[in-house]
Amino acid sequence: MKFSPLWLFILLFLLLPSVFSHPQLEITVYTNKSLYGRGEKVEIYGEVMLDGVPLENIMVALEVRDPLANSIITRTVETNSSGVCTLSFSLDSECLLGTYTVHVSCSHDGENASNSSSFDVEHIPSLILIVKTSNETYKPGETIVIFGNVTYDNSPVQGILVAVEVQDPEGTPIVIRVLETGQQGNYELTLQLTSESKRGEYSVHASANHEGKQTMASTTFQLEIELITDINGDGVVNIVDLYMAAQAWGTSPGDPKWNPKCDLDGNGVINIIDLYLVARDFGKKI
């Protein structure tokens, strides 16, 4: 079969774009969310491809503009082995509300590519939960007060249920309560730990839900076990404490050598029981 020159010309014309076309450079950009509130963290992702293949180590120019077209972020970031570059920043607590635009551009082998995306910033009411303790350190038997408050959009909320959990130094829950906030959004829980309680750092975790939002807060306190046999208060029961008890041996209130710190059982006289208690705790430390 013979082809006319016209058909050969048409066939050549159709083949030329595929033979001589340049690889296409593309860049895309997107954010982890489309809507943010003031003060939130924005995460931006850019992706660079050459004919569908990711390009590594490509420098990407990135700019973020506010609703008034003012540039608030200008950065140059590099793509990783997957052709992706990332940038994150936190919005100002007083930033403008409205639509923000993200512009990206890059170059490779004489080819340029650019793209843009957008996200919105709106006023999003925040649910804030606070939890505190009346002191940082307690002794066994002392009253521990756990308190706090709940606010929504900076206003106290009454009738919010707050779940409070107290964990011992090993992370075991020892108290779980559900409390209801009062008129000022406040709540309070009291408890006492005995001498049998574990010494160390206790953690307090609180959580609440309101208007489809969840919030959590935590704090800690220390429980110190008081060693009454540490007579001189140096943090360890040793020979000094035993000597002090021996010095006060046989005395009672009014005697020249009477030392109330040595009356460990509180019976008004320093005797063998007090010496025994010091000997029993010998070597213990706070």
Protein backbone atom coordinates (compact mmCIF):
# COMPACT_ATOMS: atom_id res chain seq x y z
CA MET A 1 0.00 0.00 0.00
CA LYS A 2 1.32 3.45 -0.90
CA PHE A 3 0.92 6.59 1.25
CA SER A 4 0.48 9.93 -0.38
CA PRO A 5 2.77 12.78 0.75
CA LEU A 6 -0.23 14.39 2.41
CA TRP A 7 -0.86 11.40 4.66
CA LEU A 8 2.83 11.21 5.57
CA PHE A 9 2.74 14.88 6.52
CA ILE A 10 -0.36 14.36 8.71
CA LEU A 11 1.20 11.33 10.42
CA LEU A 12 4.43 13.24 11.10
CA PHE A 13 2.46 16.18 12.47
CA LEU A 14 0.62 13.90 14.93
CA LEU A 15 3.84 12.25 16.11
CA LEU A 16 5.87 15.45 16.57
CA PRO A 17 4.30 16.52 19.96
CA SER A 18 5.09 13.15 21.53
CA VAL A 19 8.61 13.05 20.14
CA PHE A 20 9.68 16.59 20.93
CA SER A 21 7.46 17.59 23.91
CA HIS A 22 9.15 18.60 27.18
CA PRO A 23 8.39 16.85 30.51
CA GLN A 24 5.67 18.74 32.40
CA LEU A 25 6.59 20.30 35.77
CA GLU A 26 3.70 20.54 38.23
CA ILE A 27 3.34 21.86 41.77
CA THR A 28 0.33 21.54 44.07
CA VAL A 29 -0.34 23.05 47.49
CA TYR A 30 -2.86 22.30 50.24
CA THR A 31 -3.38 22.75 53.98
CA ASN A 32 -4.30 20.20 56.64
CA LYS A 33 -7.64 21.97 57.20
CA SER A 34 -9.80 24.42 55.30
CA LEU A 35 -10.98 26.28 58.40
CA TYR A 36 -8.98 27.53 61.39
CA GLY A 37 -9.54 29.56 64.49
CA ARG A 38 -7.30 32.32 65.77
CA GLY A 39 -4.14 31.01 67.42
CA GLU A 40 -4.36 27.64 65.68
CA LYS A 41 -1.44 25.93 63.96
CA VAL A 42 -1.58 25.86 60.15
CA GLU A 43 0.21 23.09 58.26
CA ILE A 44 0.99 23.64 54.57
CA TYR A 45 2.05 20.92 52.14
CA GLY A 46 3.48 21.36 48.65
CA GLU A 47 4.16 18.60 46.13
CA VAL A 48 6.41 18.84 43.05
CA MET A 49 6.10 16.33 40.18
CA LEU A 50 7.76 15.97 36.78
CA ASP A 51 5.53 13.94 34.44
CA GLY A 52 4.00 12.32 37.50
CA VAL A 53 7.37 11.51 39.13
CA PRO A 54 8.18 13.18 42.52
CA LEU A 55 11.15 15.54 42.45
CA GLU A 56 13.51 15.59 45.43
CA ASN A 57 15.58 18.57 46.68
CA ILE A 58 13.55 21.16 44.76
CA MET A 59 13.45 24.60 46.36
CA VAL A 60 9.87 25.85 46.66
CA ALA A 61 9.02 29.52 47.27
CA LEU A 62 5.98 29.78 49.54
CA GLU A 63 4.00 32.87 50.52
CA VAL A 64 0.92 33.29 52.71
CA ARG A 65 -1.25 36.40 52.37
CA ASP A 66 -3.97 37.60 54.72
CA PRO A 67 -7.48 38.74 53.62
CA LEU A 68 -6.06 42.20 52.82
CA ALA A 69 -3.39 40.63 50.57
CA ASN A 70 -0.62 41.48 53.05
CA SER A 71 2.21 38.97 53.03
CA ILE A 72 2.47 37.37 56.49
CA ILE A 73 4.72 34.38 55.71
CA THR A 74 7.48 34.14 53.08
CA ARG A 75 9.65 31.03 53.10
CA THR A 76 11.76 28.82 50.89
CA VAL A 77 11.39 25.10 51.63
CA GLU A 78 12.89 21.99 50.05
CA THR A 79 11.09 18.88 48.85
CA ASN A 80 11.89 15.49 50.38
CA SER A 81 12.32 12.12 48.63
CA SER A 82 8.56 12.01 48.03
CA GLY A 83 8.59 15.40 46.34
CA VAL A 84 6.77 16.98 49.29
CA CYS A 85 7.71 20.11 51.22
CA THR A 86 6.06 21.24 54.46
CA LEU A 87 5.70 24.42 56.45
CA SER A 88 3.80 25.07 59.66
CA PHE A 89 3.07 28.25 61.60
CA SER A 90 0.65 29.47 64.25
CA LEU A 91 -1.91 32.14 63.53
CA ASP A 92 -1.81 35.19 65.76
CA SER A 93 -4.48 35.38 68.45
CA GLU A 94 -5.60 38.71 66.96
CA CYS A 95 -5.18 37.86 63.28
CA LEU A 96 -7.68 39.02 60.65
CA LEU A 97 -10.73 36.91 59.98
CA GLY A 98 -11.42 35.88 56.40
CA THR A 99 -9.78 34.02 53.52
CA TYR A 100 -6.00 33.54 53.41
CA THR A 101 -4.18 32.54 50.22
CA VAL A 102 -1.11 30.34 49.84
CA HIS A 103 1.09 30.78 46.76
CA VAL A 104 3.88 28.37 45.75
CA SER A 105 6.32 28.32 42.84
CA CYS A 106 9.41 26.37 41.78
CA SER A 107 11.83 25.86 38.85
CA HIS A 108 13.54 22.81 37.37
CA ASP A 109 15.65 22.49 34.21
CA GLY A 110 14.42 25.81 32.89
CA GLU A 111 10.77 24.99 33.55
CA ASN A 112 8.64 27.02 35.98
CA ALA A 113 5.51 25.98 37.85
CA SER A 114 3.22 27.77 40.28
CA ASN A 115 -0.05 27.18 42.07
CA SER A 116 -2.18 28.54 44.90
CA SER A 117 -4.67 27.46 47.52
CA SER A 118 -6.65 29.09 50.32
CA PHE A 119 -7.99 28.58 53.82
CA ASP A 120 -10.41 30.50 56.03
CA VAL A 121 -9.95 31.89 59.53
CA GLU A 122 -13.12 32.35 61.56
CA HIS A 123 -13.97 33.07 65.15
CA ILE A 124 -14.26 29.63 66.75
CA PRO A 125 -15.40 29.66 70.40
CA SER A 126 -12.90 27.85 72.62
CA LEU A 127 -13.69 25.52 75.52
CA ILE A 128 -11.10 25.97 78.26
CA LEU A 129 -10.74 23.77 81.33
CA ILE A 130 -8.46 24.62 84.26
CA VAL A 131 -7.46 22.24 87.05
CA LYS A 132 -5.33 23.14 90.10
CA THR A 133 -4.49 21.90 93.60
CA SER A 134 -4.45 23.98 96.77
CA ASN A 135 -0.76 23.14 97.39
CA GLU A 136 2.12 21.60 95.50
CA THR A 137 3.15 19.31 98.38
CA TYR A 138 1.12 17.47 101.01
CA LYS A 139 1.72 15.24 103.99
CA PRO A 140 -0.41 12.16 104.74
CA GLY A 141 -3.71 13.14 106.33
CA GLU A 142 -3.70 16.67 104.94
CA THR A 143 -6.75 17.76 103.00
CA ILE A 144 -6.04 17.96 99.28
CA VAL A 145 -8.26 20.36 97.37
CA ILE A 146 -8.57 19.93 93.61
CA PHE A 147 -10.42 22.76 91.91
CA GLY A 148 -10.84 24.61 88.64
CA ASN A 149 -13.30 26.11 86.22
CA VAL A 150 -14.70 25.77 82.70
CA THR A 151 -15.19 28.65 80.25
CA TYR A 152 -16.66 28.71 76.74
CA ASP A 153 -15.80 31.63 74.54
CA ASN A 154 -14.29 33.34 77.62
CA SER A 155 -17.52 33.01 79.66
CA PRO A 156 -18.02 30.64 82.63
CA VAL A 157 -20.38 27.75 81.96
CA GLN A 158 -22.70 26.36 84.62
CA GLY A 159 -23.75 22.72 84.72
CA ILE A 160 -20.77 21.29 82.83
CA LEU A 161 -19.79 17.78 83.94
CA VAL A 162 -16.08 17.50 84.68
CA ALA A 163 -14.48 14.06 85.00
CA VAL A 164 -11.56 14.13 87.45
CA GLU A 165 -9.10 11.27 87.88
CA VAL A 166 -6.22 11.13 90.38
CA GLN A 167 -3.38 8.72 89.69
CA ASP A 168 -0.69 7.59 92.15
CA PRO A 169 3.06 7.73 91.32
CA GLU A 170 2.75 4.40 89.48
CA GLY A 171 -0.09 5.67 87.28
CA THR A 172 -2.82 3.69 89.02
CA PRO A 173 -6.15 5.56 89.34
CA ILE A 174 -7.06 6.00 93.00
CA VAL A 175 -9.91 8.52 92.67
CA ILE A 176 -12.41 8.99 89.83
CA ARG A 177 -15.19 11.56 90.23
CA VAL A 178 -17.65 13.38 87.98
CA LEU A 179 -18.34 16.91 89.20
CA GLU A 180 -20.77 19.57 88.02
CA THR A 181 -19.74 23.20 87.63
CA GLY A 182 -21.52 25.93 89.57
CA GLN A 183 -22.74 29.35 88.49
CA GLN A 184 -19.23 30.66 87.89
CA GLY A 185 -18.15 27.53 86.06
CA ASN A 186 -16.22 26.32 89.13
CA TYR A 187 -15.83 22.80 90.49
CA GLU A 188 -14.05 21.37 93.55
CA LEU A 189 -12.99 17.99 94.95
CA THR A 190 -11.40 17.25 98.35
CA LEU A 191 -9.59 14.09 99.42
CA GLN A 192 -7.04 12.82 101.93
CA LEU A 193 -4.19 10.37 101.52
CA THR A 194 -3.07 8.20 104.44
CA SER A 195 0.37 7.19 105.64
CA GLU A 196 -0.08 3.99 103.64
CA SER A 197 -0.31 5.94 100.38
CA LYS A 198 2.63 5.80 97.99
CA ARG A 199 5.10 8.65 98.32
CA GLY A 200 5.93 10.66 95.21
CA GLU A 201 4.24 12.62 92.44
CA TYR A 202 0.51 12.22 91.91
CA SER A 203 -1.17 13.36 88.69
CA VAL A 204 -4.62 14.89 88.29
CA HIS A 205 -6.44 14.67 84.96
CA ALA A 206 -9.68 16.49 84.16
CA SER A 207 -11.86 16.46 81.05
CA ALA A 208 -15.13 18.08 79.93
CA ASN A 209 -17.43 18.30 76.89
CA HIS A 210 -19.62 21.16 75.71
CA GLU A 211 -21.18 22.18 72.41
CA GLY A 212 -19.50 19.28 70.62
CA LYS A 213 -16.06 20.28 71.89
CA GLN A 214 -13.84 18.34 74.27
CA THR A 215 -11.12 19.75 76.48
CA MET A 216 -8.62 18.28 78.93
CA ALA A 217 -6.22 19.59 81.56
CA SER A 218 -3.71 18.09 83.99
CA THR A 219 -1.66 19.02 87.04
CA THR A 220 0.45 17.27 89.68
CA PHE A 221 1.17 17.33 93.41
CA GLN A 222 3.67 15.64 95.70
CA LEU A 223 2.93 13.43 98.69
CA GLU A 224 5.74 13.45 101.24
CA ILE A 225 5.85 10.79 103.93
CA GLU A 226 6.90 12.45 107.19
CA LEU A 227 9.38 10.38 109.16
CA ILE A 228 8.70 11.27 112.80
CA THR A 229 11.77 9.22 113.74
CA ASP A 230 13.94 11.71 111.81
CA ILE A 231 14.30 13.69 115.00
CA ASN A 232 16.84 16.23 113.77
CA GLY A 233 15.03 16.70 110.45
CA ASP A 234 17.94 16.04 108.13
CA GLY A 235 15.92 13.70 105.92
CA VAL A 236 17.39 10.42 107.16
CA VAL A 237 17.03 8.29 110.30
CA ASN A 238 20.56 7.57 111.53
CA ILE A 239 22.82 7.41 114.58
CA VAL A 240 22.22 11.10 115.35
CA ASP A 241 18.51 10.49 115.89
CA LEU A 242 19.22 7.43 118.01
CA TYR A 243 21.68 9.45 120.12
CA MET A 244 19.14 12.27 120.64
CA ALA A 245 16.51 9.78 121.82
CA ALA A 246 19.04 8.16 124.15
CA GLN A 247 19.98 11.57 125.57
CA ALA A 248 16.35 12.20 126.47
CA TRP A 249 15.86 8.68 127.90
CA GLY A 250 13.56 8.56 130.91
CA THR A 251 12.55 12.21 130.77
CA SER A 252 9.09 13.71 130.79
CA PRO A 253 7.78 17.28 130.36
CA GLY A 254 9.57 19.61 132.80
CA ASP A 255 12.81 17.62 132.97
CA PRO A 256 15.95 19.53 131.85
CA LYS A 257 16.71 17.02 129.09
CA TRP A 258 13.12 16.65 127.89
CA ASN A 259 12.80 16.82 124.09
CA PRO A 260 9.23 16.57 122.78
CA LYS A 261 10.53 15.45 119.36
CA CYS A 262 11.84 12.28 121.00
CA ASP A 263 8.42 11.36 122.43
CA LEU A 264 7.51 9.49 119.26
CA ASP A 265 4.50 7.65 120.62
CA GLY A 266 3.19 10.75 122.42
CA ASN A 267 2.75 9.10 125.83
CA GLY A 268 4.60 11.86 127.72
CA VAL A 269 7.75 9.92 128.52
CA ILE A 270 10.85 8.92 126.56
CA ASN A 271 11.22 5.16 126.99
CA ILE A 272 12.16 1.95 125.22
CA ILE A 273 9.27 2.32 122.76
CA ASP A 274 10.70 5.57 121.40
CA LEU A 275 14.15 4.01 121.03
CA TYR A 276 12.58 1.01 119.29
CA LEU A 277 10.80 3.25 116.79
CA VAL A 278 14.05 5.00 115.87
CA ALA A 279 15.82 1.64 115.53
CA ARG A 280 13.00 0.31 113.37
CA ASP A 281 13.28 3.19 110.88
CA PHE A 282 17.09 3.29 110.98
CA GLY A 283 18.37 4.13 107.49
CA LYS A 284 15.05 5.36 106.08
CA LYS A 285 15.08 8.54 104.04
CA ILE A 286 12.48 11.08 103.02
